N, C-alpha and C. Protein backbone atom coordinates (compact mmCIF):
# COMPACT_ATOMS: atom_id res chain seq x y z
N MET A 1 -6.17 2.82 14.66
CA MET A 1 -6.47 2.45 13.30
C MET A 1 -7.38 3.51 12.70
N VAL A 2 -7.12 3.82 11.45
CA VAL A 2 -7.85 4.89 10.79
C VAL A 2 -9.28 4.51 10.48
N GLY A 3 -9.53 3.31 10.03
CA GLY A 3 -10.89 2.90 9.69
C GLY A 3 -10.99 1.40 9.58
N MET A 4 -12.20 0.93 9.28
CA MET A 4 -12.44 -0.51 9.22
C MET A 4 -11.54 -1.21 8.22
N ASN A 5 -11.32 -0.61 7.07
CA ASN A 5 -10.54 -1.26 6.04
C ASN A 5 -9.04 -1.00 6.16
N ALA A 6 -8.64 -0.22 7.14
CA ALA A 6 -7.22 0.13 7.26
C ALA A 6 -6.35 -1.11 7.41
N SER A 7 -6.80 -2.10 8.16
CA SER A 7 -5.97 -3.29 8.35
C SER A 7 -5.86 -4.10 7.06
N ILE A 8 -6.92 -4.14 6.27
CA ILE A 8 -6.88 -4.84 4.99
C ILE A 8 -5.94 -4.12 4.04
N ILE A 9 -6.09 -2.80 3.95
CA ILE A 9 -5.24 -2.00 3.08
C ILE A 9 -3.78 -2.15 3.51
N ALA A 10 -3.53 -2.10 4.79
CA ALA A 10 -2.17 -2.25 5.32
C ALA A 10 -1.56 -3.58 4.89
N ALA A 11 -2.31 -4.65 5.06
CA ALA A 11 -1.81 -5.98 4.71
C ALA A 11 -1.57 -6.10 3.21
N ARG A 12 -2.45 -5.54 2.41
CA ARG A 12 -2.31 -5.64 0.95
C ARG A 12 -1.12 -4.82 0.45
N ILE A 13 -0.88 -3.67 1.05
CA ILE A 13 0.30 -2.87 0.66
C ILE A 13 1.57 -3.63 1.01
N LYS A 14 1.63 -4.16 2.22
CA LYS A 14 2.82 -4.91 2.63
C LYS A 14 3.02 -6.13 1.73
N GLU A 15 1.96 -6.84 1.44
CA GLU A 15 2.05 -8.02 0.57
C GLU A 15 2.57 -7.63 -0.82
N THR A 16 2.07 -6.53 -1.35
CA THR A 16 2.52 -6.05 -2.66
C THR A 16 4.00 -5.71 -2.61
N ARG A 17 4.42 -5.03 -1.57
CA ARG A 17 5.83 -4.67 -1.43
C ARG A 17 6.71 -5.91 -1.36
N LEU A 18 6.34 -6.86 -0.52
CA LEU A 18 7.15 -8.07 -0.35
C LEU A 18 7.19 -8.91 -1.61
N GLU A 19 6.06 -9.00 -2.33
CA GLU A 19 6.04 -9.76 -3.58
C GLU A 19 6.98 -9.16 -4.63
N ASN A 20 7.27 -7.87 -4.49
CA ASN A 20 8.18 -7.20 -5.40
C ASN A 20 9.60 -7.11 -4.86
N HIS A 21 9.84 -7.81 -3.74
CA HIS A 21 11.18 -7.91 -3.14
C HIS A 21 11.79 -6.54 -2.85
N LEU A 22 10.97 -5.67 -2.26
CA LEU A 22 11.42 -4.32 -1.93
C LEU A 22 11.34 -4.10 -0.43
N ASN A 23 12.29 -3.34 0.11
CA ASN A 23 12.14 -2.91 1.50
C ASN A 23 11.28 -1.64 1.48
N GLN A 24 10.93 -1.16 2.64
CA GLN A 24 10.03 0.01 2.71
C GLN A 24 10.62 1.23 2.04
N SER A 25 11.91 1.43 2.16
CA SER A 25 12.55 2.58 1.53
C SER A 25 12.49 2.49 0.01
N GLN A 26 12.77 1.32 -0.53
CA GLN A 26 12.73 1.13 -1.98
C GLN A 26 11.31 1.30 -2.52
N PHE A 27 10.34 0.75 -1.80
CA PHE A 27 8.93 0.88 -2.19
C PHE A 27 8.54 2.36 -2.19
N GLY A 28 8.93 3.05 -1.14
CA GLY A 28 8.64 4.48 -1.04
C GLY A 28 9.28 5.29 -2.14
N GLU A 29 10.50 4.95 -2.52
CA GLU A 29 11.19 5.66 -3.60
C GLU A 29 10.41 5.56 -4.90
N LYS A 30 9.85 4.39 -5.18
CA LYS A 30 9.10 4.20 -6.42
C LYS A 30 7.82 5.04 -6.43
N LEU A 31 7.34 5.40 -5.24
CA LEU A 31 6.10 6.17 -5.11
C LEU A 31 6.35 7.62 -4.72
N SER A 32 7.61 7.98 -4.54
CA SER A 32 8.00 9.33 -4.10
C SER A 32 7.42 9.68 -2.73
N VAL A 33 7.46 8.68 -1.83
CA VAL A 33 7.08 8.91 -0.43
C VAL A 33 8.21 8.38 0.45
N SER A 34 8.21 8.76 1.70
CA SER A 34 9.26 8.33 2.62
C SER A 34 9.01 6.91 3.13
N GLN A 35 10.06 6.32 3.67
CA GLN A 35 9.94 5.02 4.33
C GLN A 35 8.96 5.12 5.49
N ASP A 36 8.97 6.25 6.18
CA ASP A 36 8.04 6.45 7.30
C ASP A 36 6.59 6.38 6.84
N THR A 37 6.30 6.96 5.68
CA THR A 37 4.94 6.92 5.15
C THR A 37 4.53 5.48 4.85
N VAL A 38 5.42 4.72 4.22
CA VAL A 38 5.13 3.32 3.92
C VAL A 38 4.88 2.56 5.22
N SER A 39 5.68 2.82 6.23
CA SER A 39 5.51 2.17 7.52
C SER A 39 4.14 2.49 8.13
N LEU A 40 3.75 3.74 8.06
CA LEU A 40 2.43 4.14 8.59
C LEU A 40 1.31 3.41 7.85
N TRP A 41 1.44 3.31 6.53
CA TRP A 41 0.43 2.58 5.75
C TRP A 41 0.38 1.12 6.15
N GLU A 42 1.55 0.49 6.27
CA GLU A 42 1.62 -0.94 6.56
C GLU A 42 1.18 -1.27 7.99
N ASN A 43 1.26 -0.32 8.87
CA ASN A 43 0.83 -0.53 10.25
C ASN A 43 -0.60 -0.07 10.50
N GLY A 44 -1.28 0.38 9.46
CA GLY A 44 -2.68 0.79 9.58
C GLY A 44 -2.87 2.07 10.35
N LYS A 45 -1.80 2.86 10.51
CA LYS A 45 -1.91 4.12 11.24
C LYS A 45 -2.28 5.26 10.31
N SER A 46 -2.18 5.00 9.01
CA SER A 46 -2.53 5.98 7.99
C SER A 46 -2.95 5.17 6.77
N VAL A 47 -3.77 5.75 5.94
CA VAL A 47 -4.13 5.11 4.67
C VAL A 47 -3.71 6.02 3.52
N PRO A 48 -3.29 5.42 2.43
CA PRO A 48 -2.90 6.25 1.29
C PRO A 48 -4.10 6.97 0.69
N THR A 49 -3.84 8.13 0.14
CA THR A 49 -4.89 8.86 -0.56
C THR A 49 -5.28 8.08 -1.81
N THR A 50 -6.38 8.46 -2.41
CA THR A 50 -6.83 7.83 -3.65
C THR A 50 -5.74 7.86 -4.71
N GLU A 51 -5.05 8.99 -4.81
CA GLU A 51 -3.99 9.11 -5.80
C GLU A 51 -2.89 8.08 -5.57
N TYR A 52 -2.55 7.83 -4.31
CA TYR A 52 -1.50 6.84 -4.02
C TYR A 52 -1.99 5.42 -4.22
N VAL A 53 -3.26 5.16 -3.94
CA VAL A 53 -3.80 3.83 -4.22
C VAL A 53 -3.68 3.54 -5.72
N ILE A 54 -4.05 4.52 -6.54
CA ILE A 54 -3.95 4.37 -8.00
C ILE A 54 -2.49 4.20 -8.41
N LEU A 55 -1.59 4.97 -7.83
CA LEU A 55 -0.17 4.88 -8.16
C LEU A 55 0.39 3.51 -7.79
N ILE A 56 0.06 3.02 -6.61
CA ILE A 56 0.52 1.70 -6.19
C ILE A 56 -0.01 0.65 -7.16
N ALA A 57 -1.29 0.74 -7.49
CA ALA A 57 -1.91 -0.23 -8.40
C ALA A 57 -1.24 -0.24 -9.76
N THR A 58 -1.03 0.93 -10.33
CA THR A 58 -0.44 0.99 -11.67
C THR A 58 1.05 0.65 -11.66
N THR A 59 1.75 1.04 -10.62
CA THR A 59 3.18 0.77 -10.54
C THR A 59 3.47 -0.71 -10.35
N PHE A 60 2.64 -1.38 -9.56
CA PHE A 60 2.93 -2.76 -9.20
C PHE A 60 1.99 -3.79 -9.82
N GLY A 61 1.11 -3.35 -10.72
CA GLY A 61 0.28 -4.28 -11.48
C GLY A 61 -0.77 -5.01 -10.67
N VAL A 62 -1.31 -4.32 -9.67
CA VAL A 62 -2.43 -4.88 -8.90
C VAL A 62 -3.63 -3.95 -9.09
N SER A 63 -4.81 -4.42 -8.76
CA SER A 63 -5.97 -3.55 -8.91
C SER A 63 -6.19 -2.72 -7.65
N ALA A 64 -6.77 -1.57 -7.86
CA ALA A 64 -7.13 -0.72 -6.71
C ALA A 64 -8.14 -1.46 -5.83
N ASP A 65 -9.05 -2.20 -6.44
CA ASP A 65 -10.03 -2.98 -5.67
C ASP A 65 -9.33 -3.98 -4.77
N TYR A 66 -8.26 -4.60 -5.27
CA TYR A 66 -7.49 -5.53 -4.45
C TYR A 66 -6.88 -4.81 -3.25
N LEU A 67 -6.24 -3.68 -3.51
CA LEU A 67 -5.60 -2.92 -2.42
C LEU A 67 -6.61 -2.50 -1.36
N LEU A 68 -7.82 -2.20 -1.80
CA LEU A 68 -8.87 -1.74 -0.88
C LEU A 68 -9.63 -2.88 -0.23
N GLY A 69 -9.28 -4.11 -0.57
CA GLY A 69 -9.93 -5.27 0.03
C GLY A 69 -11.27 -5.62 -0.56
N LEU A 70 -11.55 -5.13 -1.76
CA LEU A 70 -12.84 -5.39 -2.40
C LEU A 70 -12.83 -6.66 -3.23
N THR A 71 -11.62 -7.10 -3.64
CA THR A 71 -11.46 -8.35 -4.37
C THR A 71 -10.28 -9.11 -3.78
N GLU A 72 -10.18 -10.36 -4.17
CA GLU A 72 -9.10 -11.22 -3.65
C GLU A 72 -7.82 -11.11 -4.47
N TYR A 73 -7.90 -10.47 -5.64
CA TYR A 73 -6.70 -10.31 -6.48
C TYR A 73 -6.83 -9.11 -7.37
């Protein structure tokens, strides 16, 4: 695991993807990353850069604070 918050970030990314009815490949396409990258994020083996956290937040209508585990929504 990359860091303390990696598991929270991983869970929030996966939750966001599933709430949007996307598989990892489709989610990655919307962010211009590979399915492998999405898998690494969701398994807590890697964390997205700040730029990708912002992109996920703006693309899927969630807050960056939510993705980072700082808020509940």
